[in-house]
Amino acid sequence: MGRVFLDISMSLDGFIAGKDDDVERLHDWILDFNTGIFKKSEVLNELFERTGAIVAGRRVYEITSGWGGNHPIRDVPVYVLSHDIPENVPPGGTVFTFVSEGIEAAIREAKGSAGDKDVYVLGGASVAQQCLKTSLLDEIHVHIAPVLLSEGIRLFDHIGSECIQLETIRILESHGTTHTRYRIIK
């Protein structure tokens, strides 16, 4: 069975979204916002190859409008942590499953679908924090954008009071962003 990993872009001062949910400066390494085309990246290629299922929060699902029915990682099911099923799920190639039984159930279902591949916890902050509090993550990948947002949504608020030990797996720089990868020591 694969690993469960959080993969998220963050400003140097710890925000995963700025004011009014602005993420453009954080995701500049991934996407050319003028053309909508993904940039070539070893880190992005690896993310696409290793992912067998995705867990996302309802807020991220809503902000992205359900990725228009087609998450960029094709043919991978997306499990959305939600209290209810939205009235309108966009048609497309992505299969969305709405899980209301909590983060443990969402991860369990995603692991069952992923097979030997990994489960990508897409977030946002609430889902990441829930995974950290319940020791569901094996790895944390943070893409640190060279920007100080000063306000917005912080990634590591509300993770509990226990120390979480990390082991550095990799640090890489590309497209002006520092890509860090940590193993959670359990």
Protein backbone atom coordinates (compact mmCIF):
# COMPACT_ATOMS: atom_id res chain seq x y z
CA MET A 1 0.00 0.00 0.00
CA GLY A 2 1.22 3.50 -0.84
CA ARG A 3 1.98 6.46 1.35
CA VAL A 4 -0.22 9.42 2.30
CA PHE A 5 1.40 12.76 1.56
CA LEU A 6 0.45 16.42 1.79
CA ASP A 7 1.65 18.45 -1.19
CA ILE A 8 1.03 22.18 -1.02
CA SER A 9 2.49 25.54 -2.01
CA MET A 10 3.13 28.09 0.71
CA SER A 11 4.55 31.58 1.10
CA LEU A 12 7.75 32.00 3.12
CA ASP A 13 5.66 33.39 5.99
CA GLY A 14 3.44 30.29 6.12
CA PHE A 15 0.32 31.14 4.09
CA ILE A 16 -1.24 28.72 1.55
CA ALA A 17 -3.60 31.40 0.27
CA GLY A 18 -3.50 35.14 0.48
CA LYS A 19 -6.24 37.69 0.91
CA ASP A 20 -9.44 36.68 -0.91
CA ASP A 21 -8.00 33.17 -1.50
CA ASP A 22 -5.36 34.49 -3.92
CA VAL A 23 -2.90 31.68 -4.79
CA GLU A 24 -1.41 32.96 -8.04
CA ARG A 25 1.97 33.99 -6.57
CA LEU A 26 2.20 30.67 -4.74
CA HIS A 27 1.50 28.54 -7.81
CA ASP A 28 3.65 30.43 -10.27
CA TRP A 29 6.01 27.43 -10.39
CA ILE A 30 3.17 25.16 -11.59
CA LEU A 31 1.11 27.18 -14.01
CA ASP A 32 1.46 29.99 -16.50
CA PHE A 33 -1.61 31.96 -15.44
CA ASN A 34 -1.70 33.88 -18.75
CA THR A 35 -2.02 30.74 -20.87
CA GLY A 36 -3.37 28.19 -18.37
CA ILE A 37 -0.58 25.80 -19.37
CA PHE A 38 1.33 23.73 -16.80
CA LYS A 39 5.07 24.40 -16.62
CA LYS A 40 7.46 21.49 -17.09
CA SER A 41 8.82 20.41 -13.74
CA GLU A 42 10.45 17.29 -12.30
CA VAL A 43 8.48 17.88 -9.09
CA LEU A 44 5.15 18.14 -10.90
CA ASN A 45 5.89 15.08 -13.05
CA GLU A 46 6.65 13.05 -9.93
CA LEU A 47 3.42 14.23 -8.29
CA PHE A 48 1.38 13.10 -11.29
CA GLU A 49 3.15 9.72 -11.53
CA ARG A 50 2.91 8.69 -7.89
CA THR A 51 -0.70 9.75 -7.21
CA GLY A 52 -3.36 7.02 -7.11
CA ALA A 53 -6.08 8.97 -5.29
CA ILE A 54 -6.64 12.49 -3.98
CA VAL A 55 -8.21 13.79 -0.77
CA ALA A 56 -9.41 17.39 -0.84
CA GLY A 57 -11.50 19.63 1.35
CA ARG A 58 -14.91 20.93 0.33
CA ARG A 59 -13.66 24.51 0.35
CA VAL A 60 -10.92 23.72 -2.18
CA TYR A 61 -13.45 21.81 -4.26
CA GLU A 62 -15.77 24.86 -4.27
CA ILE A 63 -12.99 27.39 -4.98
CA THR A 64 -11.85 25.35 -8.01
CA SER A 65 -15.46 24.72 -9.12
CA GLY A 66 -14.68 21.01 -8.91
CA TRP A 67 -11.86 21.55 -11.42
CA GLY A 68 -14.59 21.80 -14.06
CA GLY A 69 -15.12 18.04 -13.67
CA ASN A 70 -11.57 17.24 -14.75
CA HIS A 71 -8.85 17.34 -12.12
CA PRO A 72 -5.44 17.90 -13.79
CA ILE A 73 -4.24 14.50 -12.54
CA ARG A 74 -6.34 12.44 -14.93
CA ASP A 75 -8.02 9.12 -14.13
CA VAL A 76 -7.51 9.54 -10.39
CA PRO A 77 -10.51 9.57 -8.02
CA VAL A 78 -10.97 12.59 -5.75
CA TYR A 79 -12.40 12.13 -2.25
CA VAL A 80 -13.89 15.37 -0.97
CA LEU A 81 -14.30 15.76 2.78
CA SER A 82 -17.74 17.35 3.11
CA HIS A 83 -20.79 17.47 5.33
CA ASP A 84 -23.05 16.98 2.31
CA ILE A 85 -23.08 16.30 -1.42
CA PRO A 86 -23.31 19.44 -3.54
CA GLU A 87 -26.36 19.83 -5.75
CA ASN A 88 -24.28 20.34 -8.89
CA VAL A 89 -21.22 18.19 -9.55
CA PRO A 90 -19.59 19.21 -12.81
CA PRO A 91 -19.60 16.50 -15.49
CA GLY A 92 -16.22 15.27 -16.63
CA GLY A 93 -13.66 12.53 -16.34
CA THR A 94 -12.94 12.84 -12.62
CA VAL A 95 -14.92 10.65 -10.24
CA PHE A 96 -15.75 12.61 -7.07
CA THR A 97 -16.75 10.86 -3.85
CA PHE A 98 -18.05 13.05 -1.03
CA VAL A 99 -17.11 11.67 2.39
CA SER A 100 -18.98 12.92 5.44
CA GLU A 101 -17.66 10.41 8.01
CA GLY A 102 -14.44 12.33 8.73
CA ILE A 103 -10.85 12.48 7.63
CA GLU A 104 -10.02 8.90 8.67
CA ALA A 105 -12.80 7.56 6.42
CA ALA A 106 -11.69 9.76 3.50
CA ILE A 107 -8.08 8.57 3.78
CA ARG A 108 -9.17 4.94 4.18
CA GLU A 109 -11.36 5.10 1.05
CA ALA A 110 -8.63 6.88 -0.93
CA LYS A 111 -6.05 4.27 0.10
CA GLY A 112 -8.40 1.53 -1.06
CA SER A 113 -8.64 3.16 -4.50
CA ALA A 114 -4.96 4.06 -4.83
CA GLY A 115 -3.69 0.47 -4.68
CA ASP A 116 0.11 0.54 -4.70
CA LYS A 117 0.19 4.24 -5.54
CA ASP A 118 0.12 7.11 -3.05
CA VAL A 119 -2.71 9.24 -1.67
CA TYR A 120 -2.23 12.95 -2.35
CA VAL A 121 -3.75 15.19 0.32
CA LEU A 122 -4.51 18.32 -1.64
CA GLY A 123 -5.93 20.30 1.22
CA GLY A 124 -6.58 23.02 2.05
CA ALA A 125 -5.43 23.97 5.49
CA SER A 126 -8.25 22.33 7.44
CA VAL A 127 -7.76 18.92 5.80
CA ALA A 128 -3.98 19.16 6.25
CA GLN A 129 -4.40 20.09 9.91
CA GLN A 130 -6.84 17.23 10.51
CA CYS A 131 -4.38 14.78 8.92
CA LEU A 132 -1.55 16.06 11.11
CA LYS A 133 -3.63 15.89 14.30
CA THR A 134 -4.66 12.30 13.59
CA SER A 135 -1.21 11.10 12.41
CA LEU A 136 -2.52 10.13 8.96
CA LEU A 137 0.35 11.62 6.92
CA ASP A 138 3.56 9.86 5.99
CA GLU A 139 5.15 12.83 4.20
CA ILE A 140 4.81 16.60 3.83
CA HIS A 141 5.86 18.34 0.61
CA VAL A 142 5.93 22.13 0.82
CA HIS A 143 6.73 24.30 -2.18
CA ILE A 144 7.98 27.57 -0.69
CA ALA A 145 7.28 30.55 -2.93
CA PRO A 146 9.59 33.55 -2.61
CA VAL A 147 6.90 35.88 -1.31
CA LEU A 148 5.68 37.20 2.04
CA LEU A 149 1.88 37.42 1.87
CA SER A 150 1.43 38.87 5.40
CA GLU A 151 -2.16 37.67 5.59
CA GLY A 152 -4.39 34.86 4.46
CA ILE A 153 -4.74 31.20 5.43
CA ARG A 154 -1.91 29.64 7.41
CA LEU A 155 -0.99 26.01 6.86
CA PHE A 156 0.25 25.04 10.30
CA ASP A 157 -2.30 26.70 12.60
CA HIS A 158 -4.46 24.36 14.69
CA ILE A 159 -2.28 21.23 14.47
CA GLY A 160 -2.39 20.44 18.16
CA SER A 161 0.22 20.79 20.88
CA GLU A 162 2.31 17.67 20.19
CA CYS A 163 5.72 18.05 18.56
CA ILE A 164 5.84 16.46 15.11
CA GLN A 165 9.33 15.26 14.16
CA LEU A 166 10.32 15.48 10.49
CA GLU A 167 13.20 14.03 8.50
CA THR A 168 14.34 15.95 5.44
CA ILE A 169 14.08 13.81 2.31
CA ARG A 170 14.81 16.42 -0.36
CA ILE A 171 15.30 20.10 -0.99
CA LEU A 172 15.23 21.24 -4.61
CA GLU A 173 14.92 24.62 -6.33
CA SER A 174 13.12 25.14 -9.63
CA HIS A 175 11.14 27.94 -11.25
CA GLY A 176 12.18 30.22 -8.37
CA THR A 177 10.48 28.01 -5.77
CA THR A 178 12.11 25.86 -3.09
CA HIS A 179 10.60 22.37 -3.01
CA THR A 180 10.97 20.66 0.36
CA ARG A 181 10.03 17.11 1.20
CA TYR A 182 9.86 15.66 4.70
CA ARG A 183 9.10 12.24 6.15
CA ILE A 184 7.05 12.29 9.34
CA ILE A 185 8.82 10.30 12.03
CA LYS A 186 6.23 8.23 13.88
